[in-house]
Amino acid sequence: MPAERFNHVHMFQKDPYCTELWYQQHLNEPSRSTYTEATCKVARPELSWPSLERSGMLRQPAGVTFDDVALTWHVQQDERPLAPTRGHLYDHVGLSVHDLDAWIAKLRAEHVKFLTKTYKLGDARAVMIEGPSREALELVQIK
């Protein structure tokens, strides 16, 4: 594997450890968290430094990995509701799937929110769903 490659994305999540469980349950992310639905909501951490803000940063690292790309999370930095990612600089994260129709059926049965209907993406088909902290996730069927 080359040293120069895409490695990770940092995002904020309301409950980072619950988000790990969501990605494992709904998107079959292979790692297994030590948290359960009963234990994933934990107290907010103390402020720490170094930080981009003078007041410090809340650190509660968590995340998941697809192939060799990590989605890394910290707890959101204040109590304001997180905004959806659609229409912002970082609009969404794309994940490849082999059978889009099977994934759609699975996610509908699990009551995952769909942001779009199925659409063409070049020669492929795709659909957009919403993650637990309103992040947009695009599932793209690969051949």
N, C-alpha and C. Protein backbone atom coordinates (compact mmCIF):
# COMPACT_ATOMS: atom_id res chain seq x y z
N MET A 1 0.85 -1.17 0.00
CA MET A 1 0.00 0.00 0.00
C MET A 1 0.90 1.24 0.00
N PRO A 2 0.64 2.21 -0.86
CA PRO A 2 1.48 3.41 -0.90
C PRO A 2 1.31 4.26 0.36
N ALA A 3 2.34 4.99 0.69
CA ALA A 3 2.26 5.86 1.87
C ALA A 3 1.31 7.02 1.64
N GLU A 4 1.22 7.49 0.40
CA GLU A 4 0.34 8.61 0.08
C GLU A 4 -1.02 8.04 -0.34
N ARG A 5 -1.98 8.13 0.54
CA ARG A 5 -3.31 7.61 0.26
C ARG A 5 -4.33 8.29 1.16
N PHE A 6 -5.58 8.12 0.83
CA PHE A 6 -6.65 8.67 1.66
C PHE A 6 -6.72 7.83 2.92
N ASN A 7 -6.77 8.47 4.09
CA ASN A 7 -6.67 7.74 5.35
C ASN A 7 -7.89 7.87 6.24
N HIS A 8 -8.39 9.10 6.48
CA HIS A 8 -9.51 9.23 7.41
C HIS A 8 -10.26 10.54 7.22
N VAL A 9 -11.44 10.59 7.84
CA VAL A 9 -12.28 11.78 7.88
C VAL A 9 -12.65 12.01 9.35
N HIS A 10 -12.53 13.24 9.82
CA HIS A 10 -12.95 13.58 11.19
C HIS A 10 -14.33 14.21 11.15
N MET A 11 -15.20 13.79 12.04
CA MET A 11 -16.54 14.37 12.16
C MET A 11 -16.90 14.47 13.63
N PHE A 12 -17.88 15.31 13.90
CA PHE A 12 -18.43 15.39 15.25
C PHE A 12 -19.71 14.57 15.30
N GLN A 13 -19.94 13.91 16.43
CA GLN A 13 -21.14 13.10 16.64
C GLN A 13 -21.71 13.45 18.01
N LYS A 14 -23.02 13.37 18.13
CA LYS A 14 -23.65 13.64 19.43
C LYS A 14 -23.18 12.62 20.46
N ASP A 15 -23.26 11.36 20.13
CA ASP A 15 -22.83 10.27 21.02
C ASP A 15 -21.88 9.35 20.22
N PRO A 16 -20.57 9.61 20.26
CA PRO A 16 -19.64 8.87 19.41
C PRO A 16 -19.70 7.35 19.55
N TYR A 17 -19.86 6.85 20.78
CA TYR A 17 -19.86 5.40 20.96
C TYR A 17 -21.17 4.78 20.46
N CYS A 18 -22.28 5.49 20.60
CA CYS A 18 -23.55 5.02 20.03
C CYS A 18 -23.48 5.05 18.51
N THR A 19 -22.76 6.02 17.97
CA THR A 19 -22.59 6.10 16.52
C THR A 19 -21.81 4.89 16.01
N GLU A 20 -20.78 4.45 16.75
CA GLU A 20 -20.07 3.23 16.37
C GLU A 20 -21.05 2.07 16.23
N LEU A 21 -21.93 1.93 17.21
CA LEU A 21 -22.90 0.84 17.18
C LEU A 21 -23.84 0.96 15.99
N TRP A 22 -24.26 2.19 15.67
CA TRP A 22 -25.17 2.42 14.54
C TRP A 22 -24.51 1.95 13.24
N TYR A 23 -23.25 2.33 13.02
CA TYR A 23 -22.53 1.94 11.82
C TYR A 23 -22.32 0.42 11.76
N GLN A 24 -22.09 -0.20 12.90
CA GLN A 24 -21.93 -1.65 12.93
C GLN A 24 -23.26 -2.35 12.64
N GLN A 25 -24.34 -1.87 13.24
CA GLN A 25 -25.65 -2.48 13.06
C GLN A 25 -26.19 -2.28 11.65
N HIS A 26 -26.16 -1.05 11.15
CA HIS A 26 -26.84 -0.74 9.88
C HIS A 26 -25.94 -0.87 8.65
N LEU A 27 -24.65 -0.64 8.78
CA LEU A 27 -23.76 -0.68 7.62
C LEU A 27 -22.73 -1.81 7.68
N ASN A 28 -22.91 -2.71 8.64
CA ASN A 28 -22.05 -3.90 8.77
C ASN A 28 -20.57 -3.58 8.91
N GLU A 29 -20.25 -2.46 9.54
CA GLU A 29 -18.85 -2.13 9.80
C GLU A 29 -18.28 -3.23 10.69
N PRO A 30 -17.12 -3.80 10.35
CA PRO A 30 -16.68 -5.05 10.98
C PRO A 30 -16.12 -4.98 12.39
N SER A 31 -15.62 -3.83 12.84
CA SER A 31 -15.04 -3.81 14.19
C SER A 31 -16.16 -3.95 15.21
N ARG A 32 -15.82 -4.33 16.38
CA ARG A 32 -16.84 -4.51 17.41
C ARG A 32 -16.51 -3.62 18.61
N SER A 33 -17.42 -2.73 18.91
CA SER A 33 -17.26 -1.82 20.03
C SER A 33 -17.44 -2.59 21.34
N THR A 34 -16.84 -2.09 22.40
CA THR A 34 -17.06 -2.68 23.73
C THR A 34 -18.31 -2.10 24.37
N TYR A 35 -18.93 -1.11 23.69
CA TYR A 35 -20.14 -0.49 24.21
C TYR A 35 -21.38 -1.21 23.69
N THR A 36 -22.47 -1.09 24.43
CA THR A 36 -23.77 -1.61 24.02
C THR A 36 -24.74 -0.44 23.97
N GLU A 37 -25.97 -0.69 23.50
CA GLU A 37 -26.96 0.39 23.48
C GLU A 37 -27.24 0.89 24.89
N ALA A 38 -27.06 0.05 25.89
CA ALA A 38 -27.29 0.45 27.28
C ALA A 38 -26.14 1.27 27.86
N THR A 39 -24.93 1.15 27.28
CA THR A 39 -23.77 1.82 27.87
C THR A 39 -23.11 2.85 26.97
N CYS A 40 -23.62 3.05 25.74
CA CYS A 40 -22.90 3.91 24.79
C CYS A 40 -23.04 5.41 25.07
N LYS A 41 -24.06 5.83 25.80
CA LYS A 41 -24.19 7.25 26.13
C LYS A 41 -23.39 7.50 27.41
N VAL A 42 -22.28 8.20 27.25
CA VAL A 42 -21.39 8.45 28.39
C VAL A 42 -21.33 9.95 28.68
N ALA A 43 -20.85 10.28 29.86
CA ALA A 43 -20.74 11.69 30.25
C ALA A 43 -19.78 12.42 29.31
N ARG A 44 -20.07 13.70 29.11
CA ARG A 44 -19.19 14.52 28.28
C ARG A 44 -17.82 14.64 28.95
N PRO A 45 -16.75 14.61 28.17
CA PRO A 45 -15.40 14.69 28.75
C PRO A 45 -15.07 16.10 29.22
N GLU A 46 -13.97 16.22 29.93
CA GLU A 46 -13.45 17.52 30.35
C GLU A 46 -12.77 18.21 29.18
N LEU A 47 -12.72 19.52 29.19
CA LEU A 47 -11.98 20.27 28.16
C LEU A 47 -10.50 19.94 28.26
N SER A 48 -9.83 19.93 27.11
CA SER A 48 -8.40 19.63 27.11
C SER A 48 -7.70 20.51 26.07
N TRP A 49 -6.36 20.55 26.15
CA TRP A 49 -5.51 21.31 25.26
C TRP A 49 -4.35 20.44 24.84
N PRO A 50 -3.67 20.67 23.71
CA PRO A 50 -3.84 21.80 22.80
C PRO A 50 -5.19 21.71 22.08
N SER A 51 -5.62 22.89 21.65
CA SER A 51 -6.94 22.98 21.04
C SER A 51 -6.94 24.13 20.03
N LEU A 52 -7.84 24.03 19.05
CA LEU A 52 -8.03 25.13 18.11
C LEU A 52 -8.82 26.27 18.75
N GLU A 53 -9.49 26.01 19.84
CA GLU A 53 -10.26 27.02 20.57
C GLU A 53 -9.55 27.33 21.88
N ARG A 54 -9.55 28.61 22.26
CA ARG A 54 -8.91 28.99 23.53
C ARG A 54 -9.53 28.28 24.72
N SER A 55 -10.83 28.02 24.63
CA SER A 55 -11.54 27.40 25.75
C SER A 55 -11.26 25.91 25.89
N GLY A 56 -10.55 25.32 24.92
CA GLY A 56 -10.25 23.90 24.99
C GLY A 56 -11.15 23.09 24.07
N MET A 57 -10.91 21.79 24.03
CA MET A 57 -11.68 20.90 23.17
C MET A 57 -12.15 19.71 23.97
N LEU A 58 -13.37 19.27 23.68
CA LEU A 58 -13.89 18.04 24.26
C LEU A 58 -13.41 16.89 23.39
N ARG A 59 -12.72 15.95 24.00
CA ARG A 59 -12.22 14.80 23.24
C ARG A 59 -12.87 13.53 23.76
N GLN A 60 -13.47 12.82 22.86
CA GLN A 60 -14.07 11.53 23.18
C GLN A 60 -13.97 10.71 21.90
N PRO A 61 -12.75 10.30 21.55
CA PRO A 61 -12.53 9.69 20.24
C PRO A 61 -13.23 8.34 20.11
N ALA A 62 -13.77 8.14 18.93
CA ALA A 62 -14.40 6.88 18.55
C ALA A 62 -14.34 6.81 17.04
N GLY A 63 -14.82 5.75 16.46
CA GLY A 63 -14.86 5.68 15.02
C GLY A 63 -14.99 4.28 14.49
N VAL A 64 -15.07 4.21 13.18
CA VAL A 64 -15.18 2.94 12.48
C VAL A 64 -14.26 2.98 11.26
N THR A 65 -14.01 1.83 10.67
CA THR A 65 -13.13 1.75 9.50
C THR A 65 -13.79 0.92 8.41
N PHE A 66 -13.79 1.47 7.21
CA PHE A 66 -14.24 0.74 6.03
C PHE A 66 -13.02 0.58 5.14
N ASP A 67 -12.66 -0.68 4.85
CA ASP A 67 -11.46 -0.99 4.10
C ASP A 67 -10.28 -0.38 4.87
N ASP A 68 -9.58 0.60 4.31
CA ASP A 68 -8.48 1.20 5.07
C ASP A 68 -8.72 2.69 5.30
N VAL A 69 -9.98 3.12 5.24
CA VAL A 69 -10.34 4.51 5.50
C VAL A 69 -11.14 4.58 6.80
N ALA A 70 -10.68 5.39 7.72
CA ALA A 70 -11.33 5.52 9.02
C ALA A 70 -12.27 6.74 9.04
N LEU A 71 -13.43 6.55 9.63
CA LEU A 71 -14.30 7.66 9.98
C LEU A 71 -14.10 7.85 11.47
N THR A 72 -13.46 8.96 11.84
CA THR A 72 -13.07 9.21 13.23
C THR A 72 -13.95 10.31 13.81
N TRP A 73 -14.44 10.09 15.01
CA TRP A 73 -15.37 11.04 15.63
C TRP A 73 -14.88 11.55 16.97
N HIS A 74 -15.27 12.78 17.24
CA HIS A 74 -15.20 13.35 18.58
C HIS A 74 -16.60 13.78 18.95
N VAL A 75 -16.84 13.88 20.23
CA VAL A 75 -18.15 14.37 20.68
C VAL A 75 -18.31 15.82 20.22
N GLN A 76 -19.55 16.19 19.87
CA GLN A 76 -19.79 17.57 19.44
C GLN A 76 -19.36 18.52 20.55
N GLN A 77 -18.93 19.71 20.17
CA GLN A 77 -18.27 20.62 21.10
C GLN A 77 -19.22 21.49 21.92
N ASP A 78 -20.49 21.52 21.57
CA ASP A 78 -21.46 22.28 22.37
C ASP A 78 -22.80 21.57 22.30
N GLU A 79 -23.81 22.15 22.90
CA GLU A 79 -25.11 21.48 22.98
C GLU A 79 -26.03 21.80 21.80
N ARG A 80 -25.59 22.67 20.88
CA ARG A 80 -26.43 22.98 19.72
C ARG A 80 -26.65 21.73 18.90
N PRO A 81 -27.85 21.53 18.36
CA PRO A 81 -28.07 20.36 17.50
C PRO A 81 -27.13 20.40 16.30
N LEU A 82 -26.64 19.25 15.93
CA LEU A 82 -25.77 19.17 14.75
C LEU A 82 -26.59 19.40 13.50
N ALA A 83 -26.02 20.12 12.55
CA ALA A 83 -26.70 20.42 11.28
C ALA A 83 -26.47 19.28 10.31
N PRO A 84 -27.40 19.06 9.38
CA PRO A 84 -27.15 18.05 8.34
C PRO A 84 -25.95 18.45 7.49
N THR A 85 -25.27 17.46 6.93
CA THR A 85 -24.08 17.75 6.13
C THR A 85 -24.42 18.16 4.70
N ARG A 86 -25.61 17.80 4.21
CA ARG A 86 -25.98 18.10 2.82
C ARG A 86 -25.89 19.60 2.55
N GLY A 87 -25.29 19.94 1.41
CA GLY A 87 -25.20 21.34 1.00
C GLY A 87 -24.04 22.10 1.62
N HIS A 88 -23.19 21.43 2.37
CA HIS A 88 -22.02 22.07 2.98
C HIS A 88 -20.76 21.61 2.26
N LEU A 89 -19.64 22.18 2.65
CA LEU A 89 -18.37 21.85 2.02
C LEU A 89 -18.14 20.34 2.00
N TYR A 90 -18.35 19.69 3.12
CA TYR A 90 -18.27 18.23 3.19
C TYR A 90 -19.69 17.72 3.19
N ASP A 91 -20.22 17.46 2.00
CA ASP A 91 -21.62 17.14 1.82
C ASP A 91 -21.98 15.73 2.30
N HIS A 92 -21.14 14.74 1.97
CA HIS A 92 -21.47 13.37 2.33
C HIS A 92 -20.23 12.49 2.24
N VAL A 93 -20.38 11.26 2.74
CA VAL A 93 -19.36 10.22 2.63
C VAL A 93 -19.96 9.12 1.77
N GLY A 94 -19.18 8.59 0.82
CA GLY A 94 -19.66 7.53 -0.06
C GLY A 94 -19.10 6.18 0.34
N LEU A 95 -19.97 5.17 0.30
CA LEU A 95 -19.57 3.79 0.59
C LEU A 95 -20.02 2.90 -0.55
N SER A 96 -19.17 1.96 -0.98
CA SER A 96 -19.51 1.04 -2.05
C SER A 96 -20.27 -0.16 -1.51
N VAL A 97 -21.27 -0.62 -2.26
CA VAL A 97 -22.01 -1.83 -1.93
C VAL A 97 -22.14 -2.68 -3.19
N HIS A 98 -22.29 -3.99 -3.04
CA HIS A 98 -22.44 -4.87 -4.20
C HIS A 98 -23.89 -4.97 -4.66
N ASP A 99 -24.84 -5.02 -3.74
CA ASP A 99 -26.24 -5.21 -4.09
C ASP A 99 -27.06 -4.09 -3.46
N LEU A 100 -27.23 -3.01 -4.19
CA LEU A 100 -27.91 -1.83 -3.66
C LEU A 100 -29.34 -2.15 -3.24
N ASP A 101 -30.05 -2.95 -4.03
CA ASP A 101 -31.44 -3.26 -3.68
C ASP A 101 -31.53 -4.01 -2.35
N ALA A 102 -30.62 -4.92 -2.10
CA ALA A 102 -30.61 -5.65 -0.82
C ALA A 102 -30.32 -4.69 0.34
N TRP A 103 -29.38 -3.76 0.12
CA TRP A 103 -29.08 -2.79 1.17
C TRP A 103 -30.28 -1.89 1.44
N ILE A 104 -30.95 -1.46 0.40
CA ILE A 104 -32.13 -0.60 0.58
C ILE A 104 -33.19 -1.34 1.39
N ALA A 105 -33.44 -2.60 1.06
CA ALA A 105 -34.44 -3.39 1.80
C ALA A 105 -34.03 -3.54 3.26
N LYS A 106 -32.75 -3.84 3.51
CA LYS A 106 -32.25 -3.99 4.89
C LYS A 106 -32.44 -2.70 5.68
N LEU A 107 -32.02 -1.58 5.10
CA LEU A 107 -32.05 -0.30 5.82
C LEU A 107 -33.49 0.19 6.02
N ARG A 108 -34.37 -0.05 5.06
CA ARG A 108 -35.79 0.31 5.25
C ARG A 108 -36.39 -0.49 6.40
N ALA A 109 -36.07 -1.78 6.47
CA ALA A 109 -36.57 -2.63 7.56
C ALA A 109 -36.05 -2.17 8.91
N GLU A 110 -34.87 -1.54 8.92
CA GLU A 110 -34.28 -1.03 10.17
C GLU A 110 -34.67 0.43 10.42
N HIS A 111 -35.55 0.97 9.60
CA HIS A 111 -36.08 2.33 9.75
C HIS A 111 -35.00 3.41 9.68
N VAL A 112 -33.98 3.17 8.83
CA VAL A 112 -32.96 4.18 8.57
C VAL A 112 -33.60 5.23 7.66
N LYS A 113 -33.28 6.50 7.90
CA LYS A 113 -33.85 7.59 7.11
C LYS A 113 -33.16 7.68 5.75
N PHE A 114 -33.98 7.73 4.68
CA PHE A 114 -33.48 7.90 3.32
C PHE A 114 -33.60 9.37 2.93
N LEU A 115 -32.53 9.93 2.40
CA LEU A 115 -32.52 11.33 1.98
C LEU A 115 -32.90 11.47 0.52
N THR A 116 -32.72 10.42 -0.27
CA THR A 116 -33.05 10.46 -1.70
C THR A 116 -33.67 9.13 -2.10
N LYS A 117 -34.27 9.14 -3.27
CA LYS A 117 -34.63 7.89 -3.93
C LYS A 117 -33.38 7.40 -4.65
N THR A 118 -33.42 6.18 -5.17
CA THR A 118 -32.32 5.65 -5.95
C THR A 118 -32.11 6.52 -7.19
N TYR A 119 -30.85 6.78 -7.55
CA TYR A 119 -30.54 7.61 -8.71
C TYR A 119 -29.35 7.04 -9.44
N LYS A 120 -29.18 7.45 -10.71
CA LYS A 120 -28.03 7.04 -11.51
C LYS A 120 -26.82 7.89 -11.12
N LEU A 121 -25.68 7.26 -11.05
CA LEU A 121 -24.42 7.94 -10.77
C LEU A 121 -23.42 7.40 -11.79
N GLY A 122 -23.34 8.08 -12.93
CA GLY A 122 -22.55 7.55 -14.04
C GLY A 122 -23.18 6.25 -14.51
N ASP A 123 -22.39 5.17 -14.54
CA ASP A 123 -22.92 3.86 -14.92
C ASP A 123 -23.47 3.10 -13.72
N ALA A 124 -23.39 3.69 -12.55
CA ALA A 124 -23.81 3.01 -11.32
C ALA A 124 -25.16 3.57 -10.84
N ARG A 125 -25.67 2.95 -9.80
CA ARG A 125 -26.86 3.44 -9.09
C ARG A 125 -26.44 3.77 -7.67
N ALA A 126 -27.16 4.71 -7.06
CA ALA A 126 -26.81 5.12 -5.70
C ALA A 126 -28.06 5.57 -4.96
N VAL A 127 -27.93 5.71 -3.66
CA VAL A 127 -28.98 6.25 -2.80
C VAL A 127 -28.29 6.94 -1.64
N MET A 128 -28.95 7.94 -1.05
CA MET A 128 -28.38 8.69 0.06
C MET A 128 -29.22 8.42 1.31
N ILE A 129 -28.54 8.06 2.43
CA ILE A 129 -29.21 7.85 3.71
C ILE A 129 -28.64 8.82 4.72
N GLU A 130 -29.26 8.89 5.90
CA GLU A 130 -28.78 9.79 6.96
C GLU A 130 -28.26 8.97 8.13
N GLY A 131 -27.05 9.32 8.60
CA GLY A 131 -26.46 8.68 9.77
C GLY A 131 -27.03 9.25 11.06
N PRO A 132 -26.56 8.75 12.19
CA PRO A 132 -27.15 9.10 13.49
C PRO A 132 -26.98 10.55 13.92
N SER A 133 -26.01 11.27 13.38
CA SER A 133 -25.85 12.69 13.72
C SER A 133 -26.09 13.56 12.50
N ARG A 134 -26.97 13.11 11.63
CA ARG A 134 -27.43 13.83 10.46
C ARG A 134 -26.41 13.91 9.34
N GLU A 135 -25.36 13.08 9.38
CA GLU A 135 -24.40 13.04 8.29
C GLU A 135 -25.00 12.26 7.12
N ALA A 136 -24.77 12.75 5.92
CA ALA A 136 -25.27 12.10 4.71
C ALA A 136 -24.29 11.02 4.28
N LEU A 137 -24.83 9.85 3.95
CA LEU A 137 -24.02 8.71 3.51
C LEU A 137 -24.58 8.22 2.18
N GLU A 138 -23.72 8.18 1.15
CA GLU A 138 -24.14 7.74 -0.16
C GLU A 138 -23.70 6.29 -0.36
N LEU A 139 -24.65 5.41 -0.66
CA LEU A 139 -24.35 4.03 -0.97
C LEU A 139 -24.35 3.88 -2.48
N VAL A 140 -23.20 3.47 -3.05
CA VAL A 140 -23.01 3.37 -4.49
C VAL A 140 -22.81 1.91 -4.85
N GLN A 141 -23.66 1.40 -5.75
CA GLN A 141 -23.52 0.01 -6.18
C GLN A 141 -22.34 -0.11 -7.13
N ILE A 142 -21.41 -1.02 -6.78
CA ILE A 142 -20.26 -1.27 -7.65
C ILE A 142 -20.49 -2.57 -8.39
N LYS A 143 -19.83 -2.70 -9.52
CA LYS A 143 -20.01 -3.91 -10.34
C LYS A 143 -18.92 -4.91 -10.06
